[in-house]
Amino acid sequence: MTPPDTDLLTWGPVMGIDEAVARSNASRLLEQALDDGALVPGTRGYAAARIEHVERWLTTPRPAHDGRTPLDAVHSERRRTWAEAPPDARRRLRGTVMDLLSVAPETAADTAEPLRWLLEAVGDGVTLTQAGYLPRTLVIEARRALRLVSAGHGAAHRVRRRSPRRTA
């Protein structure tokens, strides 16, 4: 049984050994799940269950990949293949960035949290000031709740819009 592509991994049309081993093992995993009755073709949620089985398997360390997850093994292999591809000038350049590519970027904090807080705070609505700003009490509460650092306040700190310069 061919393992499905997932959000974590799209199987390549050309594979290295690590990816081929991973795909073969994922295929065996799905066949075993069919034999055990954990996956039943034609039932509601079958496609999602196949993906879930494969993603869980991809993110679990395996002896076949020297204790790494199959996903890490495939990504490492793909980076290596990319770095070693000709031409030589590019190969040298790519080799210098390989260490940077092997480290996952830091994940950002929940960037939607301030928006969630604001939507909950305004509830069914809020009356803006006469100038069209949020009420001062709401802004103060937001700064406290979201631990925002003030960039200043008052007229001296407001951003002014400029008209485009006219050239004669």
N, C-alpha and C. Protein backbone atom coordinates (compact mmCIF):
# COMPACT_ATOMS: atom_id res chain seq x y z
N MET A 1 0.86 -1.17 0.00
CA MET A 1 0.00 0.00 0.00
C MET A 1 0.90 1.23 0.00
N THR A 2 0.63 2.15 -0.88
CA THR A 2 1.42 3.37 -0.99
C THR A 2 1.06 4.33 0.14
N PRO A 3 2.06 4.78 0.91
CA PRO A 3 1.76 5.72 1.99
C PRO A 3 1.39 7.09 1.40
N PRO A 4 0.44 7.76 2.04
CA PRO A 4 0.01 9.06 1.52
C PRO A 4 1.02 10.16 1.84
N ASP A 5 0.98 11.23 1.05
CA ASP A 5 1.72 12.44 1.41
C ASP A 5 1.02 13.03 2.63
N THR A 6 1.78 13.72 3.46
CA THR A 6 1.21 14.34 4.66
C THR A 6 1.65 15.80 4.70
N ASP A 7 1.17 16.53 5.70
CA ASP A 7 1.63 17.90 5.89
C ASP A 7 3.11 17.92 6.26
N LEU A 8 3.60 16.84 6.84
CA LEU A 8 5.00 16.77 7.26
C LEU A 8 5.93 16.38 6.13
N LEU A 9 5.45 15.57 5.19
CA LEU A 9 6.33 15.03 4.15
C LEU A 9 5.55 14.69 2.89
N THR A 10 6.09 15.15 1.78
CA THR A 10 5.60 14.73 0.47
C THR A 10 6.67 13.80 -0.08
N TRP A 11 6.27 12.58 -0.39
CA TRP A 11 7.25 11.61 -0.89
C TRP A 11 7.80 12.09 -2.22
N GLY A 12 9.11 11.98 -2.38
CA GLY A 12 9.75 12.47 -3.59
C GLY A 12 9.59 11.51 -4.76
N PRO A 13 9.61 12.05 -5.98
CA PRO A 13 9.54 11.19 -7.16
C PRO A 13 10.85 10.42 -7.36
N VAL A 14 11.95 11.00 -6.89
CA VAL A 14 13.26 10.34 -6.90
C VAL A 14 13.71 10.31 -5.45
N MET A 15 14.07 9.12 -4.96
CA MET A 15 14.38 8.99 -3.54
C MET A 15 15.79 8.47 -3.33
N GLY A 16 16.36 8.91 -2.20
CA GLY A 16 17.60 8.33 -1.74
C GLY A 16 17.27 7.08 -0.93
N ILE A 17 18.30 6.44 -0.43
CA ILE A 17 18.11 5.19 0.31
C ILE A 17 17.27 5.40 1.56
N ASP A 18 17.57 6.45 2.34
CA ASP A 18 16.81 6.68 3.58
C ASP A 18 15.32 6.90 3.30
N GLU A 19 15.01 7.67 2.28
CA GLU A 19 13.61 7.92 1.96
C GLU A 19 12.93 6.65 1.44
N ALA A 20 13.66 5.88 0.63
CA ALA A 20 13.08 4.64 0.10
C ALA A 20 12.80 3.65 1.24
N VAL A 21 13.72 3.58 2.20
CA VAL A 21 13.51 2.71 3.37
C VAL A 21 12.32 3.21 4.18
N ALA A 22 12.25 4.52 4.38
CA ALA A 22 11.14 5.09 5.15
C ALA A 22 9.81 4.81 4.46
N ARG A 23 9.76 5.00 3.15
CA ARG A 23 8.51 4.78 2.43
C ARG A 23 8.11 3.31 2.47
N SER A 24 9.08 2.42 2.31
CA SER A 24 8.79 0.99 2.36
C SER A 24 8.27 0.59 3.75
N ASN A 25 8.89 1.11 4.78
CA ASN A 25 8.45 0.80 6.15
C ASN A 25 7.08 1.40 6.46
N ALA A 26 6.82 2.61 5.94
CA ALA A 26 5.50 3.22 6.13
C ALA A 26 4.43 2.39 5.41
N SER A 27 4.79 1.85 4.27
CA SER A 27 3.86 0.99 3.53
C SER A 27 3.53 -0.26 4.34
N ARG A 28 4.57 -0.86 4.93
CA ARG A 28 4.35 -2.05 5.78
C ARG A 28 3.49 -1.71 6.98
N LEU A 29 3.71 -0.54 7.56
CA LEU A 29 2.92 -0.10 8.71
C LEU A 29 1.44 -0.03 8.35
N LEU A 30 1.13 0.54 7.19
CA LEU A 30 -0.27 0.66 6.76
C LEU A 30 -0.87 -0.71 6.47
N GLU A 31 -0.10 -1.59 5.85
CA GLU A 31 -0.60 -2.94 5.58
C GLU A 31 -0.89 -3.68 6.88
N GLN A 32 -0.03 -3.50 7.87
CA GLN A 32 -0.25 -4.12 9.18
C GLN A 32 -1.50 -3.56 9.84
N ALA A 33 -1.70 -2.23 9.72
CA ALA A 33 -2.90 -1.61 10.30
C ALA A 33 -4.17 -2.14 9.61
N LEU A 34 -4.09 -2.41 8.31
CA LEU A 34 -5.23 -3.01 7.61
C LEU A 34 -5.49 -4.42 8.12
N ASP A 35 -4.42 -5.21 8.25
CA ASP A 35 -4.56 -6.59 8.74
C ASP A 35 -5.12 -6.64 10.16
N ASP A 36 -4.70 -5.66 10.99
CA ASP A 36 -5.16 -5.64 12.39
C ASP A 36 -6.55 -5.04 12.55
N GLY A 37 -7.09 -4.45 11.48
CA GLY A 37 -8.41 -3.84 11.55
C GLY A 37 -8.39 -2.41 12.06
N ALA A 38 -7.19 -1.84 12.27
CA ALA A 38 -7.09 -0.45 12.73
C ALA A 38 -7.47 0.52 11.62
N LEU A 39 -7.29 0.09 10.38
CA LEU A 39 -7.71 0.87 9.22
C LEU A 39 -8.70 0.02 8.42
N VAL A 40 -9.84 0.61 8.09
CA VAL A 40 -10.85 -0.11 7.31
C VAL A 40 -11.20 0.74 6.09
N PRO A 41 -10.76 0.29 4.90
CA PRO A 41 -11.04 1.06 3.69
C PRO A 41 -12.54 1.29 3.50
N GLY A 42 -12.86 2.47 2.98
CA GLY A 42 -14.25 2.79 2.70
C GLY A 42 -15.02 3.35 3.87
N THR A 43 -14.44 3.31 5.06
CA THR A 43 -15.15 3.86 6.22
C THR A 43 -14.88 5.35 6.33
N ARG A 44 -15.75 6.01 7.05
CA ARG A 44 -15.59 7.45 7.27
C ARG A 44 -14.28 7.70 8.02
N GLY A 45 -13.49 8.64 7.54
CA GLY A 45 -12.24 9.00 8.19
C GLY A 45 -11.06 8.12 7.82
N TYR A 46 -11.25 7.22 6.86
CA TYR A 46 -10.17 6.30 6.46
C TYR A 46 -8.94 7.06 5.96
N ALA A 47 -9.14 8.03 5.07
CA ALA A 47 -8.00 8.77 4.51
C ALA A 47 -7.25 9.53 5.61
N ALA A 48 -7.99 10.17 6.49
CA ALA A 48 -7.36 10.92 7.59
C ALA A 48 -6.63 9.98 8.54
N ALA A 49 -7.19 8.80 8.78
CA ALA A 49 -6.55 7.82 9.67
C ALA A 49 -5.24 7.32 9.06
N ARG A 50 -5.21 7.12 7.74
CA ARG A 50 -3.97 6.70 7.08
C ARG A 50 -2.88 7.76 7.29
N ILE A 51 -3.26 9.01 7.08
CA ILE A 51 -2.30 10.11 7.26
C ILE A 51 -1.83 10.17 8.69
N GLU A 52 -2.75 10.03 9.64
CA GLU A 52 -2.40 10.07 11.06
C GLU A 52 -1.43 8.96 11.41
N HIS A 53 -1.67 7.74 10.91
CA HIS A 53 -0.75 6.62 11.16
C HIS A 53 0.64 6.93 10.62
N VAL A 54 0.70 7.45 9.40
CA VAL A 54 1.99 7.74 8.78
C VAL A 54 2.70 8.87 9.51
N GLU A 55 1.99 9.93 9.88
CA GLU A 55 2.63 11.05 10.59
C GLU A 55 3.16 10.62 11.95
N ARG A 56 2.39 9.80 12.66
CA ARG A 56 2.85 9.31 13.96
C ARG A 56 4.11 8.47 13.78
N TRP A 57 4.11 7.64 12.74
CA TRP A 57 5.27 6.80 12.47
C TRP A 57 6.48 7.64 12.06
N LEU A 58 6.26 8.66 11.22
CA LEU A 58 7.35 9.53 10.75
C LEU A 58 8.04 10.27 11.89
N THR A 59 7.32 10.53 12.97
CA THR A 59 7.87 11.34 14.05
C THR A 59 8.31 10.53 15.26
N THR A 60 8.41 9.22 15.10
CA THR A 60 8.87 8.34 16.18
C THR A 60 10.24 7.78 15.82
N PRO A 61 11.24 7.93 16.70
CA PRO A 61 12.58 7.40 16.40
C PRO A 61 12.52 5.90 16.08
N ARG A 62 13.33 5.49 15.09
CA ARG A 62 13.35 4.11 14.60
C ARG A 62 14.77 3.60 14.46
N PRO A 63 15.01 2.32 14.80
CA PRO A 63 16.35 1.73 14.65
C PRO A 63 16.84 1.75 13.19
N ALA A 64 15.94 1.63 12.24
CA ALA A 64 16.33 1.62 10.83
C ALA A 64 16.97 2.94 10.41
N HIS A 65 16.76 3.98 11.20
CA HIS A 65 17.32 5.29 10.89
C HIS A 65 18.27 5.74 12.00
N ASP A 66 18.97 4.77 12.56
CA ASP A 66 19.97 5.04 13.61
C ASP A 66 19.40 5.81 14.79
N GLY A 67 18.18 5.48 15.17
CA GLY A 67 17.56 6.11 16.34
C GLY A 67 16.94 7.45 16.05
N ARG A 68 17.05 7.94 14.82
CA ARG A 68 16.40 9.20 14.46
C ARG A 68 14.98 8.90 13.98
N THR A 69 14.19 9.94 13.85
CA THR A 69 12.86 9.74 13.28
C THR A 69 13.02 9.56 11.77
N PRO A 70 12.14 8.81 11.14
CA PRO A 70 12.21 8.71 9.69
C PRO A 70 12.14 10.07 9.00
N LEU A 71 11.36 10.98 9.56
CA LEU A 71 11.25 12.31 8.99
C LEU A 71 12.60 13.03 9.01
N ASP A 72 13.30 12.96 10.14
CA ASP A 72 14.63 13.58 10.23
C ASP A 72 15.60 12.93 9.25
N ALA A 73 15.52 11.62 9.12
CA ALA A 73 16.42 10.91 8.20
C ALA A 73 16.18 11.36 6.75
N VAL A 74 14.93 11.47 6.36
CA VAL A 74 14.60 11.89 4.99
C VAL A 74 15.06 13.33 4.76
N HIS A 75 14.77 14.22 5.70
CA HIS A 75 15.18 15.61 5.54
C HIS A 75 16.70 15.75 5.48
N SER A 76 17.40 15.01 6.32
CA SER A 76 18.88 15.05 6.29
C SER A 76 19.41 14.57 4.96
N GLU A 77 18.84 13.49 4.46
CA GLU A 77 19.27 12.95 3.18
C GLU A 77 19.02 13.96 2.05
N ARG A 78 17.88 14.59 2.07
CA ARG A 78 17.55 15.57 1.03
C ARG A 78 18.50 16.77 1.09
N ARG A 79 18.82 17.24 2.30
CA ARG A 79 19.78 18.34 2.43
C ARG A 79 21.15 17.94 1.91
N ARG A 80 21.59 16.75 2.28
CA ARG A 80 22.90 16.25 1.82
C ARG A 80 22.94 16.15 0.30
N THR A 81 21.91 15.60 -0.29
CA THR A 81 21.85 15.45 -1.75
C THR A 81 21.89 16.82 -2.42
N TRP A 82 21.16 17.76 -1.89
CA TRP A 82 21.14 19.12 -2.43
C TRP A 82 22.52 19.76 -2.31
N ALA A 83 23.17 19.61 -1.14
CA ALA A 83 24.46 20.24 -0.90
C ALA A 83 25.56 19.65 -1.78
N GLU A 84 25.45 18.38 -2.13
CA GLU A 84 26.50 17.71 -2.90
C GLU A 84 26.30 17.78 -4.41
N ALA A 85 25.19 18.36 -4.85
CA ALA A 85 24.90 18.43 -6.29
C ALA A 85 25.82 19.42 -6.98
N PRO A 86 26.19 19.15 -8.25
CA PRO A 86 27.04 20.08 -8.99
C PRO A 86 26.27 21.37 -9.29
N PRO A 87 26.92 22.40 -9.73
CA PRO A 87 28.34 22.57 -10.03
C PRO A 87 29.17 22.82 -8.77
N ASP A 88 30.48 22.70 -8.91
CA ASP A 88 31.39 22.80 -7.77
C ASP A 88 31.30 24.12 -7.01
N ALA A 89 31.18 25.23 -7.72
CA ALA A 89 31.11 26.53 -7.05
C ALA A 89 29.89 26.60 -6.14
N ARG A 90 28.77 26.13 -6.63
CA ARG A 90 27.56 26.12 -5.80
C ARG A 90 27.68 25.10 -4.67
N ARG A 91 28.33 23.98 -4.95
CA ARG A 91 28.50 22.95 -3.93
C ARG A 91 29.27 23.51 -2.74
N ARG A 92 30.32 24.27 -3.01
CA ARG A 92 31.10 24.87 -1.90
C ARG A 92 30.24 25.85 -1.11
N LEU A 93 29.46 26.65 -1.81
CA LEU A 93 28.59 27.62 -1.15
C LEU A 93 27.53 26.91 -0.31
N ARG A 94 26.92 25.91 -0.86
CA ARG A 94 25.88 25.18 -0.12
C ARG A 94 26.46 24.47 1.09
N GLY A 95 27.68 23.99 0.97
CA GLY A 95 28.31 23.33 2.11
C GLY A 95 28.46 24.24 3.31
N THR A 96 28.62 25.54 3.07
CA THR A 96 28.78 26.49 4.18
C THR A 96 27.49 26.73 4.95
N VAL A 97 26.34 26.48 4.31
CA VAL A 97 25.07 26.72 4.99
C VAL A 97 24.41 25.44 5.51
N MET A 98 25.01 24.31 5.27
CA MET A 98 24.40 23.04 5.69
C MET A 98 24.11 22.99 7.19
N ASP A 99 25.03 23.46 8.02
CA ASP A 99 24.79 23.42 9.46
C ASP A 99 23.58 24.26 9.85
N LEU A 100 23.40 25.37 9.17
CA LEU A 100 22.25 26.24 9.47
C LEU A 100 20.94 25.56 9.08
N LEU A 101 20.97 24.80 8.00
CA LEU A 101 19.74 24.15 7.53
C LEU A 101 19.34 22.95 8.37
N SER A 102 20.27 22.38 9.10
CA SER A 102 19.95 21.18 9.88
C SER A 102 19.31 21.51 11.22
N VAL A 103 19.29 22.78 11.59
CA VAL A 103 18.67 23.20 12.84
C VAL A 103 17.31 23.80 12.53
N ALA A 104 16.30 23.27 13.18
CA ALA A 104 14.95 23.78 12.96
C ALA A 104 14.86 25.20 13.50
N PRO A 105 14.20 26.08 12.78
CA PRO A 105 14.04 27.45 13.27
C PRO A 105 13.20 27.46 14.54
N GLU A 106 13.46 28.45 15.37
CA GLU A 106 12.66 28.57 16.59
C GLU A 106 11.22 28.87 16.19
N THR A 107 10.31 28.24 16.88
CA THR A 107 8.91 28.51 16.60
C THR A 107 8.50 29.75 17.38
N ALA A 108 7.77 30.58 16.72
CA ALA A 108 7.31 31.82 17.34
C ALA A 108 6.27 31.50 18.41
N ALA A 109 6.17 32.39 19.35
CA ALA A 109 5.14 32.26 20.37
C ALA A 109 3.79 32.38 19.67
N ASP A 110 2.76 32.12 20.40
CA ASP A 110 1.42 32.19 19.82
C ASP A 110 1.13 33.64 19.45
N THR A 111 1.33 33.97 18.19
CA THR A 111 1.16 35.34 17.73
C THR A 111 -0.30 35.76 17.65
N ALA A 112 -1.20 34.82 17.74
CA ALA A 112 -2.62 35.17 17.69
C ALA A 112 -3.16 35.53 19.07
N GLU A 113 -2.40 35.29 20.13
CA GLU A 113 -2.89 35.54 21.48
C GLU A 113 -3.32 36.99 21.70
N PRO A 114 -2.55 38.00 21.28
CA PRO A 114 -3.02 39.38 21.49
C PRO A 114 -4.34 39.65 20.77
N LEU A 115 -4.51 39.12 19.58
CA LEU A 115 -5.75 39.31 18.85
C LEU A 115 -6.91 38.63 19.58
N ARG A 116 -6.67 37.40 20.07
CA ARG A 116 -7.69 36.69 20.83
C ARG A 116 -8.11 37.50 22.05
N TRP A 117 -7.10 38.03 22.76
CA TRP A 117 -7.38 38.81 23.96
C TRP A 117 -8.25 40.01 23.60
N LEU A 118 -7.87 40.74 22.54
CA LEU A 118 -8.62 41.93 22.15
C LEU A 118 -10.05 41.59 21.77
N LEU A 119 -10.24 40.52 21.00
CA LEU A 119 -11.60 40.14 20.60
C LEU A 119 -12.46 39.78 21.80
N GLU A 120 -11.86 39.09 22.77
CA GLU A 120 -12.61 38.77 23.99
C GLU A 120 -12.90 40.02 24.81
N ALA A 121 -11.94 40.95 24.86
CA ALA A 121 -12.10 42.16 25.67
C ALA A 121 -13.18 43.07 25.11
N VAL A 122 -13.29 43.17 23.80
CA VAL A 122 -14.30 44.05 23.23
C VAL A 122 -15.66 43.38 23.16
N GLY A 123 -15.68 42.05 23.24
CA GLY A 123 -16.95 41.32 23.27
C GLY A 123 -17.86 41.70 22.13
N ASP A 124 -19.03 42.25 22.48
CA ASP A 124 -20.02 42.62 21.45
C ASP A 124 -19.74 43.98 20.84
N GLY A 125 -18.71 44.64 21.30
CA GLY A 125 -18.38 45.94 20.73
C GLY A 125 -17.75 46.85 21.76
N VAL A 126 -17.21 47.95 21.30
CA VAL A 126 -16.60 48.94 22.17
C VAL A 126 -16.83 50.31 21.55
N THR A 127 -17.04 51.28 22.41
CA THR A 127 -17.24 52.65 21.92
C THR A 127 -15.88 53.31 21.81
N LEU A 128 -15.55 53.75 20.61
CA LEU A 128 -14.27 54.41 20.39
C LEU A 128 -14.34 55.84 20.90
N THR A 129 -13.18 56.43 21.11
CA THR A 129 -13.14 57.83 21.50
C THR A 129 -13.62 58.68 20.34
N GLN A 130 -13.83 59.97 20.59
CA GLN A 130 -14.31 60.86 19.56
C GLN A 130 -13.31 60.91 18.39
N ALA A 131 -12.02 60.73 18.70
CA ALA A 131 -10.98 60.76 17.66
C ALA A 131 -10.84 59.41 16.96
N GLY A 132 -11.59 58.38 17.40
CA GLY A 132 -11.56 57.08 16.74
C GLY A 132 -10.58 56.08 17.33
N TYR A 133 -10.10 56.34 18.53
CA TYR A 133 -9.15 55.44 19.19
C TYR A 133 -9.88 54.51 20.17
N LEU A 134 -9.18 53.43 20.58
CA LEU A 134 -9.71 52.56 21.63
C LEU A 134 -9.77 53.35 22.93
N PRO A 135 -10.71 53.04 23.81
CA PRO A 135 -10.78 53.73 25.11
C PRO A 135 -9.49 53.51 25.91
N ARG A 136 -9.09 54.55 26.62
CA ARG A 136 -7.85 54.52 27.40
C ARG A 136 -7.83 53.34 28.38
N THR A 137 -8.95 53.06 29.04
CA THR A 137 -8.98 51.97 30.01
C THR A 137 -8.70 50.62 29.35
N LEU A 138 -9.20 50.43 28.13
CA LEU A 138 -8.95 49.19 27.40
C LEU A 138 -7.47 49.07 27.01
N VAL A 139 -6.88 50.18 26.60
CA VAL A 139 -5.47 50.18 26.21
C VAL A 139 -4.59 49.87 27.43
N ILE A 140 -4.91 50.48 28.55
CA ILE A 140 -4.14 50.22 29.78
C ILE A 140 -4.27 48.76 30.19
N GLU A 141 -5.48 48.24 30.13
CA GLU A 141 -5.70 46.83 30.46
C GLU A 141 -4.94 45.91 29.50
N ALA A 142 -4.94 46.25 28.22
CA ALA A 142 -4.21 45.44 27.22
C ALA A 142 -2.72 45.45 27.50
N ARG A 143 -2.17 46.62 27.79
CA ARG A 143 -0.73 46.71 28.09
C ARG A 143 -0.38 45.84 29.29
N ARG A 144 -1.24 45.85 30.31
CA ARG A 144 -0.98 45.04 31.50
C ARG A 144 -1.13 43.56 31.19
N ALA A 145 -2.24 43.19 30.56
CA ALA A 145 -2.54 41.78 30.31
C ALA A 145 -1.55 41.14 29.33
N LEU A 146 -1.14 41.89 28.32
CA LEU A 146 -0.26 41.34 27.29
C LEU A 146 1.21 41.69 27.51
N ARG A 147 1.48 42.39 28.63
CA ARG A 147 2.84 42.79 28.99
C ARG A 147 3.50 43.55 27.84
N LEU A 148 2.77 44.52 27.33
CA LEU A 148 3.29 45.33 26.22
C LEU A 148 4.15 46.46 26.77
N VAL A 149 5.22 46.75 26.08
CA VAL A 149 6.10 47.85 26.46
C VAL A 149 5.60 49.09 25.75
N SER A 150 5.51 50.15 26.50
CA SER A 150 5.01 51.38 25.93
C SER A 150 6.05 52.01 25.01
N ALA A 151 5.60 52.48 23.87
CA ALA A 151 6.46 53.22 22.96
C ALA A 151 6.26 54.71 23.20
N GLY A 152 5.64 55.04 24.30
CA GLY A 152 5.35 56.43 24.62
C GLY A 152 3.86 56.68 24.49
N HIS A 153 3.45 57.85 24.88
CA HIS A 153 2.04 58.19 24.76
C HIS A 153 1.90 59.69 24.55
N GLY A 154 0.76 60.10 24.16
CA GLY A 154 0.52 61.52 23.96
C GLY A 154 0.82 61.94 22.54
N ALA A 155 0.54 63.23 22.28
CA ALA A 155 0.67 63.78 20.93
C ALA A 155 2.09 63.70 20.39
N ALA A 156 3.09 63.82 21.25
CA ALA A 156 4.48 63.82 20.79
C ALA A 156 4.90 62.47 20.22
N HIS A 157 4.19 61.40 20.59
CA HIS A 157 4.58 60.05 20.16
C HIS A 157 3.71 59.50 19.05
N ARG A 158 2.72 60.27 18.61
CA ARG A 158 1.83 59.77 17.56
C ARG A 158 2.53 59.84 16.21
N VAL A 159 2.21 58.86 15.39
CA VAL A 159 2.75 58.86 14.04
C VAL A 159 1.88 59.80 13.21
N ARG A 160 2.53 60.69 12.53
CA ARG A 160 1.80 61.62 11.67
C ARG A 160 1.92 61.17 10.24
N ARG A 161 0.84 61.30 9.53
CA ARG A 161 0.87 60.97 8.10
C ARG A 161 1.36 62.19 7.35
N ARG A 162 2.22 61.93 6.40
CA ARG A 162 2.72 63.02 5.56
C ARG A 162 2.12 62.92 4.18
N SER A 163 1.88 64.07 3.62
CA SER A 163 1.43 64.10 2.22
C SER A 163 2.64 63.81 1.36
N PRO A 164 2.42 63.16 0.21
CA PRO A 164 3.55 62.92 -0.68
C PRO A 164 4.16 64.25 -1.12
N ARG A 165 5.47 64.28 -1.24
CA ARG A 165 6.16 65.49 -1.68
C ARG A 165 5.88 65.76 -3.14
N ARG A 166 5.66 66.98 -3.41
CA ARG A 166 5.44 67.37 -4.81
C ARG A 166 6.75 67.87 -5.38
N THR A 167 7.02 67.42 -6.57
CA THR A 167 8.22 67.92 -7.24
C THR A 167 7.79 68.82 -8.39
N ALA A 168 8.50 69.91 -8.52
CA ALA A 168 8.13 70.86 -9.55
C ALA A 168 8.77 70.55 -10.88
